[in-house]
Amino acid sequence: ISAEDLSQAKLQLSHAPSEVKALAQTFNHMLSRLSEAWEQQRQFVSNVSHELRTPLTVVLGYLHSVLRRSNQLNDYQKEALETAAGEAERTVRLLQDLLDLARADSGYIHYHLEPVVLNDLVLEVVGMAEKFSNRFLQVEQSELIEVIADRDRLKQVLINVIDNAVKYSEFDQAIELKVERVEQQAIIQICDRGVGIPLQDQSRIFERFYRVDEARARSTGGHGLGLAIVKTLVEGMGGSITVRSKLGEGSVFLIMLPISSHQMIA
């Protein structure tokens, strides 16, 4: 039973001994209490994330403002402010991730599904990623592909997956994106030659707060939420995401999305 289905879950036994019916009633009561606890937790996370994000964003703005006048600071002050700004940015991102997941749990994420030229969006995100990571990303795409998606959400998905590939591969290792159409689906492959994911962890990497390498996650600032959000957003747009990986050889994330209706007959 998933957390989202707890409120509807119930055992119904009409033709059973009284002892079994009593156990079923107790079980149903436990499910009800568990559903209430889940809802309270979800609401708490949502409220706390919202209340903390606003003041932290203000603090971050002031820190960046001071850093822009860094010629008036000595090296120690500049380093301290840069560290504070970095930690504030990391915390704001974490709070935004928690808010996104809380909205998804509540059904409050709305998708503006429309035809999107996938090739253009991929090139746009790759350009951003190369600028901020100083890495070269190779793009392989032949035909023009139009998908039905929420442009902003899909952009967020691609940024998250590419950021993951950058974090878990070395600077001189290639990162490749392949865009192709297979029947009625568009497939985006994000391939890296990084550390790879152990087989026993591959089925869990889309779980919330699950991190394969705790030490590396701490050094890269990961919280185990990025891929959970990616999966939620991709499925919300009618798609799916899977991973293939081999330890020490790298990983391939495959994002599958429905193509637009006029391309289905092309």
Protein backbone atom coordinates (compact mmCIF):
# COMPACT_ATOMS: atom_id res chain seq x y z
CA ILE A 1 0.00 0.00 0.00
CA SER A 2 1.48 3.36 -0.98
CA ALA A 3 1.31 6.34 1.37
CA GLU A 4 -1.11 8.07 -1.00
CA ASP A 5 -3.57 5.13 -0.79
CA LEU A 6 -3.61 4.77 2.99
CA SER A 7 -6.81 6.78 3.44
CA GLN A 8 -8.72 4.47 1.06
CA ALA A 9 -7.18 1.19 2.25
CA LYS A 10 -9.50 -1.02 4.27
CA LEU A 11 -10.00 -4.71 4.96
CA GLN A 12 -13.57 -5.91 4.42
CA LEU A 13 -14.44 -9.40 5.64
CA SER A 14 -18.14 -10.26 5.57
CA HIS A 15 -17.88 -14.04 5.91
CA ALA A 16 -15.19 -14.63 8.50
CA PRO A 17 -15.01 -15.81 12.12
CA SER A 18 -15.50 -13.12 14.76
CA GLU A 19 -11.83 -13.31 15.81
CA VAL A 20 -10.69 -12.58 12.24
CA LYS A 21 -13.19 -9.72 11.96
CA ALA A 22 -11.82 -8.25 15.18
CA LEU A 23 -8.27 -8.43 13.80
CA ALA A 24 -9.43 -6.80 10.57
CA GLN A 25 -11.08 -4.00 12.54
CA THR A 26 -7.87 -3.43 14.51
CA PHE A 27 -5.88 -3.43 11.27
CA ASN A 28 -8.24 -0.87 9.70
CA HIS A 29 -7.89 1.33 12.78
CA MET A 30 -4.09 1.17 12.46
CA LEU A 31 -4.31 2.11 8.78
CA SER A 32 -6.50 5.08 9.66
CA ARG A 33 -4.05 6.28 12.33
CA LEU A 34 -1.14 5.80 9.91
CA SER A 35 -2.95 7.81 7.24
CA GLU A 36 -3.56 10.65 9.71
CA ALA A 37 0.11 10.61 10.76
CA TRP A 38 1.24 10.70 7.10
CA GLU A 39 -1.03 13.67 6.37
CA GLN A 40 0.22 15.54 9.45
CA GLN A 41 3.82 14.89 8.46
CA ARG A 42 3.20 16.04 4.88
CA GLN A 43 1.48 19.20 6.09
CA PHE A 44 4.26 19.90 8.59
CA VAL A 45 6.99 19.56 5.95
CA SER A 46 5.06 21.80 3.58
CA ASN A 47 4.45 24.51 6.19
CA VAL A 48 7.99 24.50 7.59
CA SER A 49 9.56 24.54 4.11
CA HIS A 50 7.39 27.50 3.09
CA GLU A 51 8.03 29.47 6.28
CA LEU A 52 11.80 28.95 6.15
CA ARG A 53 12.31 29.53 2.44
CA THR A 54 11.18 33.19 2.44
CA PRO A 55 13.53 34.52 5.17
CA LEU A 56 16.41 32.41 3.84
CA THR A 57 15.91 33.87 0.37
CA VAL A 58 16.10 37.37 1.88
CA VAL A 59 19.30 36.47 3.78
CA LEU A 60 20.79 35.04 0.59
CA GLY A 61 19.97 38.25 -1.26
CA TYR A 62 21.78 40.35 1.35
CA LEU A 63 24.82 38.05 1.25
CA HIS A 64 25.05 38.35 -2.54
CA SER A 65 24.66 42.12 -2.25
CA VAL A 66 27.60 42.34 0.17
CA LEU A 67 29.70 40.01 -1.99
CA ARG A 68 29.18 42.27 -5.01
CA ARG A 69 31.10 44.90 -3.04
CA SER A 70 33.90 42.47 -2.25
CA ASN A 71 36.59 45.08 -2.94
CA GLN A 72 35.76 46.46 0.52
CA LEU A 73 36.35 43.07 2.20
CA ASN A 74 39.50 41.32 3.25
CA ASP A 75 40.16 37.73 2.16
CA TYR A 76 38.88 36.20 5.41
CA GLN A 77 35.60 38.14 5.27
CA LYS A 78 35.08 37.30 1.61
CA GLU A 79 35.67 33.58 2.20
CA ALA A 80 33.29 33.56 5.18
CA LEU A 81 30.53 35.29 3.21
CA GLU A 82 30.99 32.98 0.21
CA THR A 83 30.68 29.95 2.51
CA ALA A 84 27.55 31.40 4.13
CA ALA A 85 26.02 32.16 0.71
CA GLY A 86 26.80 28.65 -0.53
CA GLU A 87 25.15 27.03 2.48
CA ALA A 88 22.13 29.34 2.18
CA GLU A 89 21.73 28.43 -1.51
CA ARG A 90 21.95 24.72 -0.66
CA THR A 91 19.30 25.07 2.05
CA VAL A 92 16.97 27.07 -0.21
CA ARG A 93 17.25 24.33 -2.86
CA LEU A 94 16.47 21.68 -0.26
CA LEU A 95 13.40 23.59 0.93
CA GLN A 96 12.20 24.02 -2.66
CA ASP A 97 12.61 20.28 -3.25
CA LEU A 98 10.59 19.52 -0.11
CA LEU A 99 7.87 21.94 -1.22
CA ASP A 100 7.70 20.34 -4.67
CA LEU A 101 7.28 16.89 -3.14
CA ALA A 102 4.67 18.13 -0.66
CA ARG A 103 2.69 19.68 -3.53
CA ALA A 104 2.94 16.45 -5.48
CA ASP A 105 1.65 14.45 -2.51
CA SER A 106 -1.30 16.84 -2.20
CA GLY A 107 -2.04 16.81 -5.93
CA TYR A 108 -1.26 20.53 -6.16
CA ILE A 109 1.29 20.29 -8.96
CA HIS A 110 -0.42 21.46 -12.14
CA TYR A 111 1.06 20.61 -15.52
CA HIS A 112 0.68 22.85 -18.55
CA LEU A 113 0.94 20.13 -21.16
CA GLU A 114 1.61 21.41 -24.66
CA PRO A 115 3.67 20.50 -27.74
CA VAL A 116 7.36 21.13 -27.00
CA VAL A 117 10.19 20.82 -29.53
CA LEU A 118 12.44 18.50 -27.55
CA ASN A 119 15.59 19.18 -29.57
CA ASP A 120 15.53 22.92 -28.81
CA LEU A 121 14.88 22.41 -25.11
CA VAL A 122 17.71 19.87 -24.78
CA LEU A 123 20.17 22.25 -26.46
CA GLU A 124 19.04 25.09 -24.19
CA VAL A 125 19.56 23.03 -21.01
CA VAL A 126 22.91 21.67 -22.26
CA GLY A 127 24.11 25.23 -22.89
CA MET A 128 23.18 26.21 -19.33
CA ALA A 129 24.84 23.10 -17.89
CA GLU A 130 28.08 23.69 -19.80
CA LYS A 131 28.21 27.28 -18.60
CA PHE A 132 27.75 26.50 -14.91
CA SER A 133 29.72 23.24 -14.72
CA ASN A 134 32.57 24.03 -17.14
CA ARG A 135 32.01 20.58 -18.64
CA PHE A 136 31.51 19.60 -22.26
CA LEU A 137 28.26 17.77 -23.01
CA GLN A 138 27.88 15.95 -26.30
CA VAL A 139 24.41 15.93 -27.89
CA GLU A 140 23.33 13.36 -30.46
CA GLN A 141 20.00 13.94 -32.20
CA SER A 142 18.95 13.46 -35.79
CA GLU A 143 15.26 14.09 -36.43
CA LEU A 144 13.10 16.87 -34.99
CA ILE A 145 10.96 15.51 -32.17
CA GLU A 146 7.95 17.20 -30.60
CA VAL A 147 6.62 15.89 -27.28
CA ILE A 148 3.62 16.65 -25.11
CA ALA A 149 5.05 18.04 -21.87
CA ASP A 150 5.17 20.94 -19.46
CA ARG A 151 8.15 22.89 -20.75
CA ASP A 152 9.27 24.27 -17.38
CA ARG A 153 8.85 20.93 -15.60
CA LEU A 154 10.74 19.08 -18.33
CA LYS A 155 13.50 21.65 -18.13
CA GLN A 156 13.72 21.03 -14.37
CA VAL A 157 13.91 17.27 -15.00
CA LEU A 158 16.77 17.60 -17.48
CA ILE A 159 18.70 20.00 -15.24
CA ASN A 160 18.41 17.61 -12.29
CA VAL A 161 19.52 14.52 -14.21
CA ILE A 162 22.41 16.31 -15.94
CA ASP A 163 23.50 17.81 -12.61
CA ASN A 164 23.55 14.29 -11.19
CA ALA A 165 25.75 13.09 -14.06
CA VAL A 166 28.15 15.99 -13.49
CA LYS A 167 28.37 15.36 -9.73
CA TYR A 168 29.10 11.66 -10.03
CA SER A 169 31.66 11.71 -12.82
CA GLU A 170 35.14 13.16 -13.09
CA PHE A 171 35.89 16.44 -14.89
CA ASP A 172 37.54 14.75 -17.89
CA GLN A 173 34.83 12.12 -18.36
CA ALA A 174 32.31 12.60 -21.16
CA ILE A 175 28.61 13.20 -20.62
CA GLU A 176 26.37 12.42 -23.58
CA LEU A 177 22.73 13.14 -24.35
CA LYS A 178 20.93 11.17 -27.04
CA VAL A 179 17.49 12.12 -28.31
CA GLU A 180 15.53 9.70 -30.47
CA ARG A 181 12.03 8.57 -31.34
CA VAL A 182 10.95 4.97 -30.87
CA GLU A 183 7.42 4.35 -32.13
CA GLN A 184 5.08 6.68 -30.17
CA GLN A 185 7.65 7.75 -27.60
CA ALA A 186 10.54 10.15 -27.43
CA ILE A 187 13.54 8.85 -25.50
CA ILE A 188 16.20 11.03 -23.90
CA GLN A 189 19.33 9.24 -22.74
CA ILE A 190 21.71 10.96 -20.32
CA CYS A 191 24.92 8.92 -20.24
CA ASP A 192 27.94 9.37 -18.00
CA ARG A 193 31.09 7.34 -17.44
CA GLY A 194 31.23 8.00 -13.72
CA VAL A 195 31.29 5.81 -10.64
CA GLY A 196 28.16 3.87 -11.56
CA ILE A 197 25.42 2.53 -9.30
CA PRO A 198 25.59 -0.90 -7.60
CA LEU A 199 22.90 -3.29 -8.84
CA GLN A 200 21.27 -3.60 -5.41
CA ASP A 201 20.79 0.19 -5.25
CA GLN A 202 19.36 0.76 -8.72
CA SER A 203 15.78 -0.07 -7.74
CA ARG A 204 15.90 2.45 -4.88
CA ILE A 205 17.59 5.54 -6.29
CA PHE A 206 14.23 7.19 -7.07
CA GLU A 207 13.16 6.90 -3.43
CA ARG A 208 13.14 10.03 -1.29
CA PHE A 209 16.30 10.69 0.74
CA TYR A 210 17.98 7.56 -0.63
CA ARG A 211 21.66 8.10 -1.36
CA VAL A 212 23.94 5.41 -2.75
CA ASP A 213 27.21 7.01 -1.62
CA GLU A 214 26.74 8.96 1.60
CA ALA A 215 30.29 10.34 1.64
CA ARG A 216 30.15 11.60 -1.95
CA ALA A 217 26.62 12.94 -1.45
CA ARG A 218 27.81 15.04 1.48
CA SER A 219 30.70 16.45 -0.56
CA THR A 220 28.42 17.30 -3.51
CA GLY A 221 25.60 18.68 -1.36
CA GLY A 222 23.01 16.06 -2.30
CA HIS A 223 20.02 15.23 -0.12
CA GLY A 224 18.55 12.30 -2.02
CA LEU A 225 15.57 14.27 -3.32
CA GLY A 226 16.57 15.20 -6.88
CA LEU A 227 15.74 11.89 -8.56
CA ALA A 228 12.55 11.48 -6.51
CA ILE A 229 11.37 14.83 -7.88
CA VAL A 230 12.44 13.86 -11.40
CA LYS A 231 10.37 10.65 -11.25
CA THR A 232 7.34 12.53 -9.89
CA LEU A 233 7.50 15.18 -12.63
CA VAL A 234 8.14 12.75 -15.50
CA GLU A 235 5.24 10.51 -14.48
CA GLY A 236 3.04 13.59 -14.03
CA MET A 237 3.63 14.35 -17.72
CA GLY A 238 2.65 10.83 -18.75
CA GLY A 239 6.21 9.55 -19.12
CA SER A 240 8.60 7.26 -17.30
CA ILE A 241 12.24 7.13 -16.24
CA THR A 242 14.57 4.17 -15.79
CA VAL A 243 18.27 3.65 -15.19
CA ARG A 244 20.93 1.25 -16.45
CA SER A 245 24.25 1.25 -14.68
CA LYS A 246 27.38 -0.77 -14.06
CA LEU A 247 29.69 -0.08 -11.15
CA GLY A 248 32.85 1.66 -12.29
CA GLU A 249 31.59 2.15 -15.87
CA GLY A 250 28.86 4.78 -15.54
CA SER A 251 25.10 5.17 -15.78
CA VAL A 252 22.44 5.77 -18.42
CA PHE A 253 19.17 7.45 -17.43
CA LEU A 254 16.35 6.99 -19.93
CA ILE A 255 13.46 9.45 -19.93
CA MET A 256 10.48 8.42 -22.07
CA LEU A 257 7.77 10.91 -23.05
CA PRO A 258 4.75 10.75 -25.36
CA ILE A 259 5.21 12.46 -28.72
CA SER A 260 2.69 14.98 -30.01
CA SER A 261 -0.35 13.70 -31.91
CA HIS A 262 0.59 15.05 -35.35
CA GLN A 263 3.95 13.23 -35.16
CA MET A 264 2.23 9.93 -34.42
CA ILE A 265 1.13 9.66 -38.05
CA ALA A 266 4.40 10.92 -39.47
